[in-house]
Each structure stands twice: as C-alpha cells, then as structure tokens.
Amino acid sequence: MNTNDLYYLNKDNHEKSTGGKGVKIHIEPETPSGITAISGTYYAIHFLTDCTPTAFTATNSELSTNVTYPSGTVIYCDVTQIQCTADQAFILYKC
C-alpha cells in the first residue's frame, strides 16, 4: 500500500478535517431579540469567542448548557442544534 492508497481510503475523513464539506460561521447579534438557534448536521464546533450555549444538542451525546466554553475550544460530535448568547461567535463544520 502506498501513500495514494492511504489518502483515498481516508479521503472523506480528510475532507472533514480540513472543512472540505464547508463551514457555517455564526456570530450572534448584539441584541438578545435577534438570537436564533442554529440547527442542521455538523460534525464539529469551534468556539471563536467564549461561548455560553443556552441550547446545545448532538446525537448520542450529553452536552452542557449554561457553561462557558473558552475561546479556541473545538468539540467533535454530531451537533444538531446550538444557540449562544449575544456577541458570541463559533464555526460549525458541515458533514
């Protein structure tokens, strides 16, 4: 087996790890009235600012809400919904 064989065996994982399937960058608005929950299917979330989700769900996972995740934290799981408070930003990686 050579390097090309390994690449093609892991091509889907490689595309995911580099965001090859796409990303959704979300910055919560400054006013609480504009805050909305994001839903879909994402394999990871990267918090760009300190974030305190008020709703955070993922398939087959137990996730904490009302806990502050520090800026730079990456969580790998099947994210199906997240909602943070005002002035918080995160990137969702599409499956």
PDB file of N, CA and C in Angstrom:
ATOM      1  N   MET A   1       0.854  -1.167   0.000  1.00  0.00           N
ATOM      2  CA  MET A   1       0.000   0.000   0.000  1.00  0.00           C
ATOM      3  C   MET A   1       0.904   1.236   0.000  1.00  0.00           C
ATOM      4  N   ASN A   2       0.575   2.192  -0.848  1.00  0.00           N
ATOM      5  CA  ASN A   2       1.384   3.413  -0.900  1.00  0.00           C
ATOM      6  C   ASN A   2       0.592   4.602  -0.338  1.00  0.00           C
ATOM      7  N   THR A   3       1.210   5.756  -0.368  1.00  0.00           N
ATOM      8  CA  THR A   3       0.602   6.963   0.196  1.00  0.00           C
ATOM      9  C   THR A   3      -0.717   7.314  -0.484  1.00  0.00           C
ATOM     10  N   ASN A   4      -0.785   7.174  -1.810  1.00  0.00           N
ATOM     11  CA  ASN A   4      -2.035   7.480  -2.525  1.00  0.00           C
ATOM     12  C   ASN A   4      -3.171   6.573  -2.076  1.00  0.00           C
ATOM     13  N   ASP A   5      -2.862   5.280  -1.859  1.00  0.00           N
ATOM     14  CA  ASP A   5      -3.895   4.358  -1.384  1.00  0.00           C
ATOM     15  C   ASP A   5      -4.438   4.808  -0.030  1.00  0.00           C
ATOM     16  N   LEU A   6      -3.545   5.197   0.858  1.00  0.00           N
ATOM     17  CA  LEU A   6      -3.971   5.660   2.176  1.00  0.00           C
ATOM     18  C   LEU A   6      -4.814   6.926   2.074  1.00  0.00           C
ATOM     19  N   TYR A   7      -4.417   7.829   1.175  1.00  0.00           N
ATOM     20  CA  TYR A   7      -5.178   9.066   1.002  1.00  0.00           C
ATOM     21  C   TYR A   7      -6.605   8.762   0.556  1.00  0.00           C
ATOM     22  N   TYR A   8      -6.744   7.892  -0.440  1.00  0.00           N
ATOM     23  CA  TYR A   8      -8.085   7.612  -0.944  1.00  0.00           C
ATOM     24  C   TYR A   8      -8.928   6.832   0.051  1.00  0.00           C
ATOM     25  N   LEU A   9      -8.301   5.994   0.881  1.00  0.00           N
ATOM     26  CA  LEU A   9      -9.047   5.302   1.931  1.00  0.00           C
ATOM     27  C   LEU A   9      -9.595   6.284   2.960  1.00  0.00           C
ATOM     28  N   ASN A  10      -8.858   7.355   3.193  1.00  0.00           N
ATOM     29  CA  ASN A  10      -9.239   8.332   4.210  1.00  0.00           C
ATOM     30  C   ASN A  10      -9.724   9.654   3.626  1.00  0.00           C
ATOM     31  N   LYS A  11     -10.083   9.657   2.346  1.00  0.00           N
ATOM     32  CA  LYS A  11     -10.446  10.911   1.677  1.00  0.00           C
ATOM     33  C   LYS A  11     -11.601  11.628   2.367  1.00  0.00           C
ATOM     34  N   ASP A  12     -12.645  10.896   2.759  1.00  0.00           N
ATOM     35  CA  ASP A  12     -13.784  11.545   3.407  1.00  0.00           C
ATOM     36  C   ASP A  12     -13.365  12.165   4.731  1.00  0.00           C
ATOM     37  N   ASN A  13     -12.586  11.443   5.514  1.00  0.00           N
ATOM     38  CA  ASN A  13     -12.103  11.990   6.784  1.00  0.00           C
ATOM     39  C   ASN A  13     -11.205  13.193   6.552  1.00  0.00           C
ATOM     40  N   HIS A  14     -10.388  13.138   5.495  1.00  0.00           N
ATOM     41  CA  HIS A  14      -9.501  14.260   5.181  1.00  0.00           C
ATOM     42  C   HIS A  14     -10.320  15.505   4.826  1.00  0.00           C
ATOM     43  N   GLU A  15     -11.362  15.330   4.002  1.00  0.00           N
ATOM     44  CA  GLU A  15     -12.203  16.469   3.633  1.00  0.00           C
ATOM     45  C   GLU A  15     -12.866  17.075   4.862  1.00  0.00           C
ATOM     46  N   LYS A  16     -13.317  16.250   5.791  1.00  0.00           N
ATOM     47  CA  LYS A  16     -13.940  16.758   7.007  1.00  0.00           C
ATOM     48  C   LYS A  16     -12.929  17.512   7.870  1.00  0.00           C
ATOM     49  N   SER A  17     -11.744  16.927   8.037  1.00  0.00           N
ATOM     50  CA  SER A  17     -10.768  17.545   8.937  1.00  0.00           C
ATOM     51  C   SER A  17     -10.270  18.888   8.429  1.00  0.00           C
ATOM     52  N   THR A  18     -10.377  19.121   7.133  1.00  0.00           N
ATOM     53  CA  THR A  18      -9.946  20.405   6.578  1.00  0.00           C
ATOM     54  C   THR A  18     -11.123  21.311   6.245  1.00  0.00           C
ATOM     55  N   GLY A  19     -12.328  20.913   6.637  1.00  0.00           N
ATOM     56  CA  GLY A  19     -13.512  21.722   6.345  1.00  0.00           C
ATOM     57  C   GLY A  19     -13.930  21.627   4.891  1.00  0.00           C
ATOM     58  N   GLY A  20     -13.519  20.556   4.210  1.00  0.00           N
ATOM     59  CA  GLY A  20     -13.802  20.391   2.786  1.00  0.00           C
ATOM     60  C   GLY A  20     -15.282  20.299   2.440  1.00  0.00           C
ATOM     61  N   LYS A  21     -16.108  19.953   3.399  1.00  0.00           N
ATOM     62  CA  LYS A  21     -17.551  19.883   3.167  1.00  0.00           C
ATOM     63  C   LYS A  21     -18.226  21.232   3.391  1.00  0.00           C
ATOM     64  N   GLY A  22     -17.468  22.196   3.894  1.00  0.00           N
ATOM     65  CA  GLY A  22     -17.999  23.528   4.121  1.00  0.00           C
ATOM     66  C   GLY A  22     -18.153  23.839   5.601  1.00  0.00           C
ATOM     67  N   VAL A  23     -18.320  25.112   5.876  1.00  0.00           N
ATOM     68  CA  VAL A  23     -18.481  25.571   7.253  1.00  0.00           C
ATOM     69  C   VAL A  23     -19.613  26.585   7.327  1.00  0.00           C
ATOM     70  N   LYS A  24     -20.093  26.792   8.520  1.00  0.00           N
ATOM     71  CA  LYS A  24     -21.074  27.853   8.784  1.00  0.00           C
ATOM     72  C   LYS A  24     -20.496  28.681   9.916  1.00  0.00           C
ATOM     73  N   ILE A  25     -20.151  29.921   9.625  1.00  0.00           N
ATOM     74  CA  ILE A  25     -19.626  30.824  10.641  1.00  0.00           C
ATOM     75  C   ILE A  25     -20.794  31.638  11.171  1.00  0.00           C
ATOM     76  N   HIS A  26     -20.938  31.635  12.478  1.00  0.00           N
ATOM     77  CA  HIS A  26     -22.097  32.302  13.070  1.00  0.00           C
ATOM     78  C   HIS A  26     -21.644  33.251  14.168  1.00  0.00           C
ATOM     79  N   ILE A  27     -22.076  34.495  14.096  1.00  0.00           N
ATOM     80  CA  ILE A  27     -21.816  35.483  15.126  1.00  0.00           C
ATOM     81  C   ILE A  27     -23.157  35.965  15.633  1.00  0.00           C
ATOM     82  N   GLU A  28     -23.397  35.773  16.920  1.00  0.00           N
ATOM     83  CA  GLU A  28     -24.673  36.188  17.494  1.00  0.00           C
ATOM     84  C   GLU A  28     -24.778  37.709  17.459  1.00  0.00           C
ATOM     85  N   PRO A  29     -25.959  38.226  17.164  1.00  0.00           N
ATOM     86  CA  PRO A  29     -26.157  39.673  17.132  1.00  0.00           C
ATOM     87  C   PRO A  29     -25.988  40.291  18.519  1.00  0.00           C
ATOM     88  N   GLU A  30     -25.859  41.577  18.521  1.00  0.00           N
ATOM     89  CA  GLU A  30     -25.631  42.277  19.782  1.00  0.00           C
ATOM     90  C   GLU A  30     -26.863  42.328  20.676  1.00  0.00           C
ATOM     91  N   THR A  31     -28.041  42.219  20.093  1.00  0.00           N
ATOM     92  CA  THR A  31     -29.261  42.324  20.899  1.00  0.00           C
ATOM     93  C   THR A  31     -29.879  40.947  21.105  1.00  0.00           C
ATOM     94  N   PRO A  32     -30.297  40.614  22.299  1.00  0.00           N
ATOM     95  CA  PRO A  32     -30.894  39.306  22.571  1.00  0.00           C
ATOM     96  C   PRO A  32     -32.107  38.996  21.707  1.00  0.00           C
ATOM     97  N   SER A  33     -32.826  40.002  21.238  1.00  0.00           N
ATOM     98  CA  SER A  33     -34.017  39.743  20.426  1.00  0.00           C
ATOM     99  C   SER A  33     -33.674  39.096  19.089  1.00  0.00           C
ATOM    100  N   GLY A  34     -32.422  39.211  18.648  1.00  0.00           N
ATOM    101  CA  GLY A  34     -32.028  38.639  17.365  1.00  0.00           C
ATOM    102  C   GLY A  34     -31.402  37.267  17.458  1.00  0.00           C
ATOM    103  N   ILE A  35     -31.290  36.719  18.655  1.00  0.00           N
ATOM    104  CA  ILE A  35     -30.616  35.431  18.833  1.00  0.00           C
ATOM    105  C   ILE A  35     -31.513  34.298  18.356  1.00  0.00           C
ATOM    106  N   THR A  36     -30.959  33.434  17.507  1.00  0.00           N
ATOM    107  CA  THR A  36     -31.712  32.302  16.985  1.00  0.00           C
ATOM    108  C   THR A  36     -30.903  31.022  17.153  1.00  0.00           C
ATOM    109  N   ALA A  37     -31.595  29.908  17.246  1.00  0.00           N
ATOM    110  CA  ALA A  37     -30.930  28.612  17.325  1.00  0.00           C
ATOM    111  C   ALA A  37     -30.531  28.177  15.923  1.00  0.00           C
ATOM    112  N   ILE A  38     -29.369  27.585  15.803  1.00  0.00           N
ATOM    113  CA  ILE A  38     -28.884  27.044  14.538  1.00  0.00           C
ATOM    114  C   ILE A  38     -29.107  25.542  14.585  1.00  0.00           C
ATOM    115  N   SER A  39     -29.727  24.993  13.542  1.00  0.00           N
ATOM    116  CA  SER A  39     -29.920  23.548  13.501  1.00  0.00           C
ATOM    117  C   SER A  39     -29.425  23.012  12.166  1.00  0.00           C
ATOM    118  N   GLY A  40     -29.119  21.739  12.138  1.00  0.00           N
ATOM    119  CA  GLY A  40     -28.578  21.083  10.957  1.00  0.00           C
ATOM    120  C   GLY A  40     -27.758  19.895  11.414  1.00  0.00           C
ATOM    121  N   THR A  41     -26.846  19.435  10.561  1.00  0.00           N
ATOM    122  CA  THR A  41     -25.972  18.337  10.920  1.00  0.00           C
ATOM    123  C   THR A  41     -24.540  18.778  10.699  1.00  0.00           C
ATOM    124  N   TYR A  42     -23.805  18.869  11.767  1.00  0.00           N
ATOM    125  CA  TYR A  42     -22.420  19.333  11.746  1.00  0.00           C
ATOM    126  C   TYR A  42     -21.587  18.362  12.576  1.00  0.00           C
ATOM    127  N   TYR A  43     -20.334  18.120  12.173  1.00  0.00           N
ATOM    128  CA  TYR A  43     -19.519  17.148  12.891  1.00  0.00           C
ATOM    129  C   TYR A  43     -18.621  17.775  13.943  1.00  0.00           C
ATOM    130  N   ALA A  44     -18.503  19.102  13.964  1.00  0.00           N
ATOM    131  CA  ALA A  44     -17.661  19.760  14.972  1.00  0.00           C
ATOM    132  C   ALA A  44     -18.086  21.210  15.125  1.00  0.00           C
ATOM    133  N   ILE A  45     -17.752  21.750  16.284  1.00  0.00           N
ATOM    134  CA  ILE A  45     -17.976  23.171  16.547  1.00  0.00           C
ATOM    135  C   ILE A  45     -16.689  23.751  17.119  1.00  0.00           C
ATOM    136  N   HIS A  46     -16.339  24.925  16.646  1.00  0.00           N
ATOM    137  CA  HIS A  46     -15.128  25.630  17.091  1.00  0.00           C
ATOM    138  C   HIS A  46     -15.592  26.979  17.630  1.00  0.00           C
ATOM    139  N   PHE A  47     -15.395  27.207  18.906  1.00  0.00           N
ATOM    140  CA  PHE A  47     -15.813  28.457  19.529  1.00  0.00           C
ATOM    141  C   PHE A  47     -14.754  29.526  19.275  1.00  0.00           C
ATOM    142  N   LEU A  48     -15.135  30.614  18.614  1.00  0.00           N
ATOM    143  CA  LEU A  48     -14.207  31.709  18.305  1.00  0.00           C
ATOM    144  C   LEU A  48     -14.092  32.695  19.461  1.00  0.00           C
ATOM    145  N   THR A  49     -15.122  32.776  20.256  1.00  0.00           N
ATOM    146  CA  THR A  49     -15.132  33.611  21.465  1.00  0.00           C
ATOM    147  C   THR A  49     -15.561  32.718  22.622  1.00  0.00           C
ATOM    148  N   ASP A  50     -15.426  33.180  23.834  1.00  0.00           N
ATOM    149  CA  ASP A  50     -16.005  32.446  24.954  1.00  0.00           C
ATOM    150  C   ASP A  50     -17.509  32.358  24.700  1.00  0.00           C
ATOM    151  N   CYS A  51     -18.067  31.160  24.745  1.00  0.00           N
ATOM    152  CA  CYS A  51     -19.490  30.970  24.438  1.00  0.00           C
ATOM    153  C   CYS A  51     -20.193  30.225  25.569  1.00  0.00           C
ATOM    154  N   THR A  52     -21.423  30.660  25.822  1.00  0.00           N
ATOM    155  CA  THR A  52     -22.270  30.026  26.822  1.00  0.00           C
ATOM    156  C   THR A  52     -23.570  29.612  26.139  1.00  0.00           C
ATOM    157  N   PRO A  53     -23.634  28.378  25.614  1.00  0.00           N
ATOM    158  CA  PRO A  53     -24.847  27.945  24.913  1.00  0.00           C
ATOM    159  C   PRO A  53     -26.051  27.862  25.852  1.00  0.00           C
ATOM    160  N   THR A  54     -27.187  28.321  25.355  1.00  0.00           N
ATOM    161  CA  THR A  54     -28.442  28.160  26.084  1.00  0.00           C
ATOM    162  C   THR A  54     -29.184  26.937  25.559  1.00  0.00           C
ATOM    163  N   ALA A  55     -28.804  26.459  24.375  1.00  0.00           N
ATOM    164  CA  ALA A  55     -29.298  25.207  23.797  1.00  0.00           C
ATOM    165  C   ALA A  55     -28.124  24.573  23.060  1.00  0.00           C
ATOM    166  N   PHE A  56     -27.887  23.283  23.284  1.00  0.00           N
ATOM    167  CA  PHE A  56     -26.744  22.606  22.666  1.00  0.00           C
ATOM    168  C   PHE A  56     -27.066  21.127  22.633  1.00  0.00           C
ATOM    169  N   THR A  57     -27.392  20.578  21.455  1.00  0.00           N
ATOM    170  CA  THR A  57     -27.734  19.168  21.336  1.00  0.00           C
ATOM    171  C   THR A  57     -26.902  18.504  20.251  1.00  0.00           C
ATOM    172  N   ALA A  58     -26.654  17.218  20.455  1.00  0.00           N
ATOM    173  CA  ALA A  58     -25.919  16.409  19.489  1.00  0.00           C
ATOM    174  C   ALA A  58     -26.393  14.969  19.620  1.00  0.00           C
ATOM    175  N   THR A  59     -26.373  14.255  18.522  1.00  0.00           N
ATOM    176  CA  THR A  59     -26.807  12.871  18.506  1.00  0.00           C
ATOM    177  C   THR A  59     -25.923  12.030  19.423  1.00  0.00           C
ATOM    178  N   ASN A  60     -26.553  11.214  20.263  1.00  0.00           N
ATOM    179  CA  ASN A  60     -25.849  10.289  21.163  1.00  0.00           C
ATOM    180  C   ASN A  60     -24.831  10.981  22.068  1.00  0.00           C
ATOM    181  N   SER A  61     -25.096  12.207  22.469  1.00  0.00           N
ATOM    182  CA  SER A  61     -24.157  12.948  23.315  1.00  0.00           C
ATOM    183  C   SER A  61     -24.897  13.667  24.428  1.00  0.00           C
ATOM    184  N   GLU A  62     -24.180  13.907  25.515  1.00  0.00           N
ATOM    185  CA  GLU A  62     -24.700  14.707  26.614  1.00  0.00           C
ATOM    186  C   GLU A  62     -23.847  15.958  26.691  1.00  0.00           C
ATOM    187  N   LEU A  63     -24.440  17.100  26.384  1.00  0.00           N
ATOM    188  CA  LEU A  63     -23.706  18.360  26.340  1.00  0.00           C
ATOM    189  C   LEU A  63     -24.260  19.322  27.369  1.00  0.00           C
ATOM    190  N   SER A  64     -23.378  20.108  27.943  1.00  0.00           N
ATOM    191  CA  SER A  64     -23.787  21.055  28.977  1.00  0.00           C
ATOM    192  C   SER A  64     -24.202  22.394  28.380  1.00  0.00           C
ATOM    193  N   THR A  65     -25.275  22.942  28.914  1.00  0.00           N
ATOM    194  CA  THR A  65     -25.679  24.295  28.559  1.00  0.00           C
ATOM    195  C   THR A  65     -25.427  25.179  29.769  1.00  0.00           C
ATOM    196  N   ASN A  66     -25.443  26.462  29.542  1.00  0.00           N
ATOM    197  CA  ASN A  66     -25.181  27.442  30.589  1.00  0.00           C
ATOM    198  C   ASN A  66     -23.812  27.241  31.245  1.00  0.00           C
ATOM    199  N   VAL A  67     -22.885  26.667  30.467  1.00  0.00           N
ATOM    200  CA  VAL A  67     -21.483  26.525  30.850  1.00  0.00           C
ATOM    201  C   VAL A  67     -20.682  27.296  29.811  1.00  0.00           C
ATOM    202  N   THR A  68     -19.662  28.021  30.227  1.00  0.00           N
ATOM    203  CA  THR A  68     -18.870  28.791  29.273  1.00  0.00           C
ATOM    204  C   THR A  68     -17.758  27.928  28.688  1.00  0.00           C
ATOM    205  N   TYR A  69     -17.789  27.776  27.363  1.00  0.00           N
ATOM    206  CA  TYR A  69     -16.722  27.088  26.639  1.00  0.00           C
ATOM    207  C   TYR A  69     -15.714  28.145  26.213  1.00  0.00           C
ATOM    208  N   PRO A  70     -14.443  28.000  26.586  1.00  0.00           N
ATOM    209  CA  PRO A  70     -13.437  29.029  26.283  1.00  0.00           C
ATOM    210  C   PRO A  70     -13.182  29.179  24.782  1.00  0.00           C
ATOM    211  N   SER A  71     -12.793  30.370  24.395  1.00  0.00           N
ATOM    212  CA  SER A  71     -12.401  30.652  23.017  1.00  0.00           C
ATOM    213  C   SER A  71     -11.334  29.653  22.593  1.00  0.00           C
ATOM    214  N   GLY A  72     -11.476  29.110  21.382  1.00  0.00           N
ATOM    215  CA  GLY A  72     -10.499  28.148  20.867  1.00  0.00           C
ATOM    216  C   GLY A  72     -10.891  26.704  21.080  1.00  0.00           C
ATOM    217  N   THR A  73     -11.904  26.450  21.903  1.00  0.00           N
ATOM    218  CA  THR A  73     -12.348  25.082  22.168  1.00  0.00           C
ATOM    219  C   THR A  73     -12.983  24.486  20.914  1.00  0.00           C
ATOM    220  N   VAL A  74     -12.618  23.240  20.593  1.00  0.00           N
ATOM    221  CA  VAL A  74     -13.230  22.501  19.489  1.00  0.00           C
ATOM    222  C   VAL A  74     -13.855  21.250  20.080  1.00  0.00           C
ATOM    223  N   ILE A  75     -15.117  21.013  19.753  1.00  0.00           N
ATOM    224  CA  ILE A  75     -15.816  19.816  20.207  1.00  0.00           C
ATOM    225  C   ILE A  75     -16.237  19.035  18.976  1.00  0.00           C
ATOM    226  N   TYR A  76     -15.816  17.760  18.913  1.00  0.00           N
ATOM    227  CA  TYR A  76     -16.180  16.886  17.808  1.00  0.00           C
ATOM    228  C   TYR A  76     -17.352  16.017  18.236  1.00  0.00           C
ATOM    229  N   CYS A  77     -18.494  16.218  17.603  1.00  0.00           N
ATOM    230  CA  CYS A  77     -19.686  15.425  17.859  1.00  0.00           C
ATOM    231  C   CYS A  77     -20.685  15.756  16.757  1.00  0.00           C
ATOM    232  N   ASP A  78     -21.773  15.022  16.717  1.00  0.00           N
ATOM    233  CA  ASP A  78     -22.803  15.227  15.696  1.00  0.00           C
ATOM    234  C   ASP A  78     -23.747  16.328  16.172  1.00  0.00           C
ATOM    235  N   VAL A  79     -23.321  17.585  16.029  1.00  0.00           N
ATOM    236  CA  VAL A  79     -24.092  18.735  16.501  1.00  0.00           C
ATOM    237  C   VAL A  79     -25.366  18.872  15.666  1.00  0.00           C
ATOM    238  N   THR A  80     -26.509  18.936  16.343  1.00  0.00           N
ATOM    239  CA  THR A  80     -27.780  19.112  15.636  1.00  0.00           C
ATOM    240  C   THR A  80     -28.438  20.454  15.944  1.00  0.00           C
ATOM    241  N   GLN A  81     -28.052  21.078  17.072  1.00  0.00           N
ATOM    242  CA  GLN A  81     -28.599  22.401  17.405  1.00  0.00           C
ATOM    243  C   GLN A  81     -27.696  23.094  18.407  1.00  0.00           C
ATOM    244  N   ILE A  82     -27.551  24.412  18.222  1.00  0.00           N
ATOM    245  CA  ILE A  82     -26.836  25.236  19.200  1.00  0.00           C
ATOM    246  C   ILE A  82     -27.404  26.645  19.172  1.00  0.00           C
ATOM    247  N   GLN A  83     -27.438  27.241  20.338  1.00  0.00           N
ATOM    248  CA  GLN A  83     -27.852  28.627  20.481  1.00  0.00           C
ATOM    249  C   GLN A  83     -27.008  29.230  21.593  1.00  0.00           C
ATOM    250  N   CYS A  84     -26.330  30.337  21.283  1.00  0.00           N
ATOM    251  CA  CYS A  84     -25.499  31.016  22.277  1.00  0.00           C
ATOM    252  C   CYS A  84     -26.094  32.385  22.583  1.00  0.00           C
ATOM    253  N   THR A  85     -25.467  33.083  23.502  1.00  0.00           N
ATOM    254  CA  THR A  85     -25.956  34.403  23.883  1.00  0.00           C
ATOM    255  C   THR A  85     -25.309  35.476  23.011  1.00  0.00           C
ATOM    256  N   ALA A  86     -25.706  36.726  23.222  1.00  0.00           N
ATOM    257  CA  ALA A  86     -25.270  37.840  22.371  1.00  0.00           C
ATOM    258  C   ALA A  86     -23.750  38.000  22.355  1.00  0.00           C
ATOM    259  N   ASP A  87     -23.238  38.466  21.210  1.00  0.00           N
ATOM    260  CA  ASP A  87     -21.819  38.762  20.992  1.00  0.00           C
ATOM    261  C   ASP A  87     -20.912  37.538  21.070  1.00  0.00           C
ATOM    262  N   GLN A  88     -21.426  36.361  20.762  1.00  0.00           N
ATOM    263  CA  GLN A  88     -20.608  35.157  20.770  1.00  0.00           C
ATOM    264  C   GLN A  88     -20.532  34.585  19.365  1.00  0.00           C
ATOM    265  N   ALA A  89     -19.371  33.990  19.033  1.00  0.00           N
ATOM    266  CA  ALA A  89     -19.145  33.516  17.664  1.00  0.00           C
ATOM    267  C   ALA A  89     -18.592  32.097  17.674  1.00  0.00           C
ATOM    268  N   PHE A  90     -18.990  31.318  16.653  1.00  0.00           N
ATOM    269  CA  PHE A  90     -18.494  29.948  16.526  1.00  0.00           C
ATOM    270  C   PHE A  90     -18.549  29.530  15.064  1.00  0.00           C
ATOM    271  N   ILE A  91     -17.817  28.474  14.746  1.00  0.00           N
ATOM    272  CA  ILE A  91     -17.819  27.887  13.404  1.00  0.00           C
ATOM    273  C   ILE A  91     -18.376  26.468  13.538  1.00  0.00           C
ATOM    274  N   LEU A  92     -19.325  26.124  12.681  1.00  0.00           N
ATOM    275  CA  LEU A  92     -19.854  24.763  12.608  1.00  0.00           C
ATOM    276  C   LEU A  92     -19.300  24.122  11.330  1.00  0.00           C
ATOM    277  N   TYR A  93     -18.784  22.892  11.432  1.00  0.00           N
ATOM    278  CA  TYR A  93     -18.220  22.187  10.289  1.00  0.00           C
ATOM    279  C   TYR A  93     -19.257  21.203   9.756  1.00  0.00           C
ATOM    280  N   LYS A  94     -19.621  21.357   8.478  1.00  0.00           N
ATOM    281  CA  LYS A  94     -20.665  20.541   7.858  1.00  0.00           C
ATOM    282  C   LYS A  94     -20.190  19.111   7.603  1.00  0.00           C
ATOM    283  N   CYS A  95     -21.158  18.187   7.749  1.00  0.00           N
ATOM    284  CA  CYS A  95     -20.881  16.776   7.457  1.00  0.00           C
ATOM    285  C   CYS A  95     -20.892  16.538   5.963  1.00  0.00           C
TER     286      CYS A  95
END
